[in-house]
Amino acid sequence: MIDIYVLYRKATNPRPFNRFFESAGFGKAYDYLKTQELPEAFIIKRSRGSVAAPATAFVHPLIALEFLRWLNYSVYVEQLSDLLTSE
């Protein structure tokens, strides 16, 4: 699982984090994973932050990809293009 909060903290001028969980892309990815009969714990695990530890949002890799697309589409497309065209 991937902690998308780590990615979010590195972003410049990010949108409000919780809006991602209201997005159509998240909904589609989540629904797809549920059709695969994955337990909730393998799709998403969130924890609130505290003074001792920052908040976390561990998600399935498919949801992490959707998060990257939602967070910064230009960077997502550039990295995907580089991956697909590399030899």
N, C-alpha and C. Protein backbone atom coordinates (compact mmCIF):
# COMPACT_ATOMS: atom_id res chain seq x y z
N MET A 1 0.84 -1.18 0.00
CA MET A 1 0.00 0.00 0.00
C MET A 1 0.89 1.24 0.00
N ILE A 2 0.35 2.32 -0.51
CA ILE A 2 1.11 3.56 -0.68
C ILE A 2 0.45 4.67 0.13
N ASP A 3 1.26 5.41 0.88
CA ASP A 3 0.75 6.53 1.67
C ASP A 3 0.66 7.76 0.78
N ILE A 4 -0.55 8.11 0.34
CA ILE A 4 -0.70 9.24 -0.56
C ILE A 4 -0.55 10.58 0.16
N TYR A 5 -0.62 10.58 1.48
CA TYR A 5 -0.36 11.82 2.21
C TYR A 5 1.07 12.28 1.97
N VAL A 6 2.00 11.35 1.83
CA VAL A 6 3.40 11.69 1.55
C VAL A 6 3.48 12.44 0.22
N LEU A 7 2.78 11.94 -0.79
CA LEU A 7 2.76 12.59 -2.10
C LEU A 7 2.10 13.97 -2.01
N TYR A 8 1.04 14.04 -1.26
CA TYR A 8 0.30 15.29 -1.11
C TYR A 8 1.16 16.37 -0.46
N ARG A 9 1.91 16.00 0.56
CA ARG A 9 2.76 16.97 1.27
C ARG A 9 3.85 17.55 0.37
N LYS A 10 4.24 16.81 -0.67
CA LYS A 10 5.29 17.28 -1.58
C LYS A 10 4.75 18.18 -2.69
N ALA A 11 3.45 18.21 -2.87
CA ALA A 11 2.83 18.97 -3.95
C ALA A 11 2.86 20.46 -3.67
N THR A 12 2.98 21.23 -4.74
CA THR A 12 2.91 22.69 -4.62
C THR A 12 1.50 23.13 -4.94
N ASN A 13 0.96 24.00 -4.11
CA ASN A 13 -0.40 24.51 -4.27
C ASN A 13 -1.44 23.41 -4.46
N PRO A 14 -1.45 22.43 -3.56
CA PRO A 14 -2.41 21.33 -3.73
C PRO A 14 -3.84 21.74 -3.39
N ARG A 15 -4.79 21.01 -3.98
CA ARG A 15 -6.19 21.18 -3.62
C ARG A 15 -6.41 20.54 -2.25
N PRO A 16 -7.51 20.84 -1.59
CA PRO A 16 -7.78 20.20 -0.29
C PRO A 16 -7.77 18.68 -0.42
N PHE A 17 -7.00 18.02 0.44
CA PHE A 17 -6.79 16.58 0.38
C PHE A 17 -8.09 15.79 0.36
N ASN A 18 -9.02 16.12 1.23
CA ASN A 18 -10.26 15.35 1.33
C ASN A 18 -11.12 15.40 0.08
N ARG A 19 -10.91 16.39 -0.76
CA ARG A 19 -11.68 16.47 -2.01
C ARG A 19 -11.40 15.28 -2.92
N PHE A 20 -10.20 14.71 -2.80
CA PHE A 20 -9.89 13.54 -3.63
C PHE A 20 -10.89 12.42 -3.39
N PHE A 21 -11.27 12.22 -2.14
CA PHE A 21 -12.17 11.12 -1.81
C PHE A 21 -13.60 11.37 -2.26
N GLU A 22 -13.87 12.57 -2.76
CA GLU A 22 -15.17 12.92 -3.32
C GLU A 22 -15.14 12.91 -4.85
N SER A 23 -13.96 12.66 -5.43
CA SER A 23 -13.81 12.75 -6.88
C SER A 23 -14.38 11.52 -7.58
N ALA A 24 -14.75 11.72 -8.84
CA ALA A 24 -15.29 10.62 -9.65
C ALA A 24 -14.23 9.55 -9.87
N GLY A 25 -12.99 9.96 -10.06
CA GLY A 25 -11.91 9.00 -10.29
C GLY A 25 -11.70 8.08 -9.10
N PHE A 26 -11.73 8.65 -7.90
CA PHE A 26 -11.60 7.82 -6.70
C PHE A 26 -12.77 6.85 -6.63
N GLY A 27 -13.97 7.34 -6.88
CA GLY A 27 -15.16 6.50 -6.82
C GLY A 27 -15.08 5.32 -7.77
N LYS A 28 -14.62 5.58 -8.99
CA LYS A 28 -14.51 4.51 -9.98
C LYS A 28 -13.46 3.48 -9.57
N ALA A 29 -12.30 3.94 -9.11
CA ALA A 29 -11.24 3.02 -8.70
C ALA A 29 -11.70 2.21 -7.49
N TYR A 30 -12.31 2.87 -6.53
CA TYR A 30 -12.80 2.19 -5.33
C TYR A 30 -13.85 1.14 -5.69
N ASP A 31 -14.81 1.51 -6.51
CA ASP A 31 -15.86 0.57 -6.91
C ASP A 31 -15.27 -0.63 -7.65
N TYR A 32 -14.29 -0.37 -8.51
CA TYR A 32 -13.66 -1.48 -9.23
C TYR A 32 -12.99 -2.45 -8.25
N LEU A 33 -12.25 -1.91 -7.29
CA LEU A 33 -11.56 -2.77 -6.32
C LEU A 33 -12.56 -3.55 -5.47
N LYS A 34 -13.68 -2.95 -5.16
CA LYS A 34 -14.72 -3.66 -4.40
C LYS A 34 -15.29 -4.82 -5.22
N THR A 35 -15.41 -4.67 -6.55
CA THR A 35 -15.90 -5.76 -7.39
C THR A 35 -14.91 -6.91 -7.43
N GLN A 36 -13.66 -6.63 -7.10
CA GLN A 36 -12.63 -7.67 -7.04
C GLN A 36 -12.64 -8.38 -5.68
N GLU A 37 -13.60 -8.01 -4.87
CA GLU A 37 -13.82 -8.60 -3.55
C GLU A 37 -12.63 -8.42 -2.60
N LEU A 38 -11.95 -7.28 -2.75
CA LEU A 38 -10.86 -6.96 -1.82
C LEU A 38 -11.45 -6.45 -0.52
N PRO A 39 -10.88 -6.85 0.61
CA PRO A 39 -11.33 -6.29 1.89
C PRO A 39 -10.98 -4.81 1.97
N GLU A 40 -11.77 -4.07 2.71
CA GLU A 40 -11.55 -2.63 2.87
C GLU A 40 -10.10 -2.32 3.28
N ALA A 41 -9.53 -3.14 4.13
CA ALA A 41 -8.16 -2.91 4.62
C ALA A 41 -7.11 -3.00 3.51
N PHE A 42 -7.44 -3.63 2.38
CA PHE A 42 -6.51 -3.70 1.26
C PHE A 42 -6.77 -2.59 0.24
N ILE A 43 -7.80 -1.80 0.46
CA ILE A 43 -8.13 -0.70 -0.44
C ILE A 43 -7.68 0.63 0.16
N ILE A 44 -8.03 0.88 1.41
CA ILE A 44 -7.69 2.15 2.04
C ILE A 44 -7.65 2.00 3.55
N LYS A 45 -6.62 2.62 4.14
CA LYS A 45 -6.48 2.71 5.60
C LYS A 45 -6.04 4.13 5.92
N ARG A 46 -6.86 4.86 6.64
CA ARG A 46 -6.53 6.25 6.99
C ARG A 46 -6.38 6.38 8.50
N SER A 47 -5.49 7.29 8.89
CA SER A 47 -5.35 7.60 10.31
C SER A 47 -5.23 9.11 10.47
N ARG A 48 -5.76 9.60 11.56
CA ARG A 48 -5.66 11.03 11.86
C ARG A 48 -4.27 11.33 12.38
N GLY A 49 -3.82 12.52 12.12
CA GLY A 49 -2.52 12.94 12.61
C GLY A 49 -2.59 13.36 14.07
N SER A 50 -1.43 13.39 14.69
CA SER A 50 -1.31 13.86 16.06
C SER A 50 0.02 14.58 16.20
N VAL A 51 0.29 15.08 17.37
CA VAL A 51 1.57 15.75 17.61
C VAL A 51 2.72 14.77 17.39
N ALA A 52 2.52 13.54 17.78
CA ALA A 52 3.58 12.53 17.69
C ALA A 52 3.75 11.92 16.30
N ALA A 53 2.68 11.89 15.51
CA ALA A 53 2.74 11.24 14.20
C ALA A 53 1.83 11.95 13.20
N PRO A 54 2.30 12.12 11.96
CA PRO A 54 1.45 12.76 10.95
C PRO A 54 0.32 11.84 10.50
N ALA A 55 -0.69 12.43 9.89
CA ALA A 55 -1.80 11.66 9.33
C ALA A 55 -1.28 10.78 8.20
N THR A 56 -1.95 9.66 7.98
CA THR A 56 -1.60 8.77 6.88
C THR A 56 -2.85 8.39 6.10
N ALA A 57 -2.63 8.02 4.87
CA ALA A 57 -3.71 7.50 4.01
C ALA A 57 -3.09 6.46 3.09
N PHE A 58 -3.00 5.23 3.59
CA PHE A 58 -2.45 4.14 2.80
C PHE A 58 -3.54 3.60 1.89
N VAL A 59 -3.21 3.50 0.60
CA VAL A 59 -4.20 3.07 -0.39
C VAL A 59 -3.61 2.02 -1.32
N HIS A 60 -4.49 1.30 -1.98
CA HIS A 60 -4.13 0.34 -3.02
C HIS A 60 -3.40 1.10 -4.14
N PRO A 61 -2.44 0.47 -4.83
CA PRO A 61 -1.73 1.16 -5.91
C PRO A 61 -2.63 1.76 -7.00
N LEU A 62 -3.75 1.13 -7.32
CA LEU A 62 -4.66 1.69 -8.32
C LEU A 62 -5.22 3.04 -7.85
N ILE A 63 -5.55 3.13 -6.60
CA ILE A 63 -6.05 4.40 -6.06
C ILE A 63 -4.93 5.42 -6.00
N ALA A 64 -3.71 4.98 -5.71
CA ALA A 64 -2.57 5.90 -5.69
C ALA A 64 -2.34 6.51 -7.08
N LEU A 65 -2.48 5.70 -8.13
CA LEU A 65 -2.34 6.23 -9.49
C LEU A 65 -3.42 7.27 -9.78
N GLU A 66 -4.63 6.98 -9.39
CA GLU A 66 -5.73 7.93 -9.59
C GLU A 66 -5.46 9.21 -8.80
N PHE A 67 -4.89 9.07 -7.60
CA PHE A 67 -4.56 10.24 -6.79
C PHE A 67 -3.54 11.12 -7.49
N LEU A 68 -2.51 10.51 -8.07
CA LEU A 68 -1.50 11.29 -8.80
C LEU A 68 -2.12 12.04 -9.97
N ARG A 69 -3.03 11.38 -10.67
CA ARG A 69 -3.72 12.04 -11.79
C ARG A 69 -4.53 13.22 -11.30
N TRP A 70 -5.24 13.04 -10.19
CA TRP A 70 -6.07 14.10 -9.62
C TRP A 70 -5.22 15.25 -9.08
N LEU A 71 -4.11 14.93 -8.47
CA LEU A 71 -3.26 15.93 -7.83
C LEU A 71 -2.60 16.86 -8.83
N ASN A 72 -2.03 16.29 -9.91
CA ASN A 72 -1.35 17.10 -10.90
C ASN A 72 -1.34 16.34 -12.22
N TYR A 73 -2.31 16.62 -13.05
CA TYR A 73 -2.48 15.89 -14.30
C TYR A 73 -1.26 16.02 -15.22
N SER A 74 -0.68 17.20 -15.30
CA SER A 74 0.48 17.42 -16.18
C SER A 74 1.65 16.53 -15.78
N VAL A 75 1.97 16.49 -14.51
CA VAL A 75 3.07 15.65 -14.04
C VAL A 75 2.74 14.18 -14.27
N TYR A 76 1.51 13.78 -14.01
CA TYR A 76 1.07 12.40 -14.22
C TYR A 76 1.29 11.98 -15.67
N VAL A 77 0.84 12.82 -16.61
CA VAL A 77 0.94 12.49 -18.03
C VAL A 77 2.41 12.45 -18.46
N GLU A 78 3.22 13.39 -17.99
CA GLU A 78 4.64 13.41 -18.35
C GLU A 78 5.33 12.14 -17.87
N GLN A 79 5.10 11.75 -16.64
CA GLN A 79 5.74 10.56 -16.10
C GLN A 79 5.24 9.30 -16.78
N LEU A 80 3.96 9.22 -17.04
CA LEU A 80 3.40 8.06 -17.74
C LEU A 80 3.95 7.97 -19.15
N SER A 81 4.05 9.10 -19.83
CA SER A 81 4.60 9.12 -21.18
C SER A 81 6.05 8.67 -21.18
N ASP A 82 6.83 9.16 -20.21
CA ASP A 82 8.24 8.74 -20.12
C ASP A 82 8.34 7.24 -19.89
N LEU A 83 7.49 6.71 -19.03
CA LEU A 83 7.50 5.27 -18.75
C LEU A 83 7.14 4.46 -19.98
N LEU A 84 6.14 4.89 -20.71
CA LEU A 84 5.67 4.13 -21.86
C LEU A 84 6.60 4.24 -23.07
N THR A 85 7.39 5.29 -23.15
CA THR A 85 8.28 5.47 -24.30
C THR A 85 9.73 5.09 -24.00
N SER A 86 10.02 4.72 -22.76
CA SER A 86 11.40 4.33 -22.42
C SER A 86 11.70 2.95 -23.00
N GLU A 87 12.95 2.77 -23.37
CA GLU A 87 13.34 1.49 -23.97
C GLU A 87 13.89 0.55 -22.94
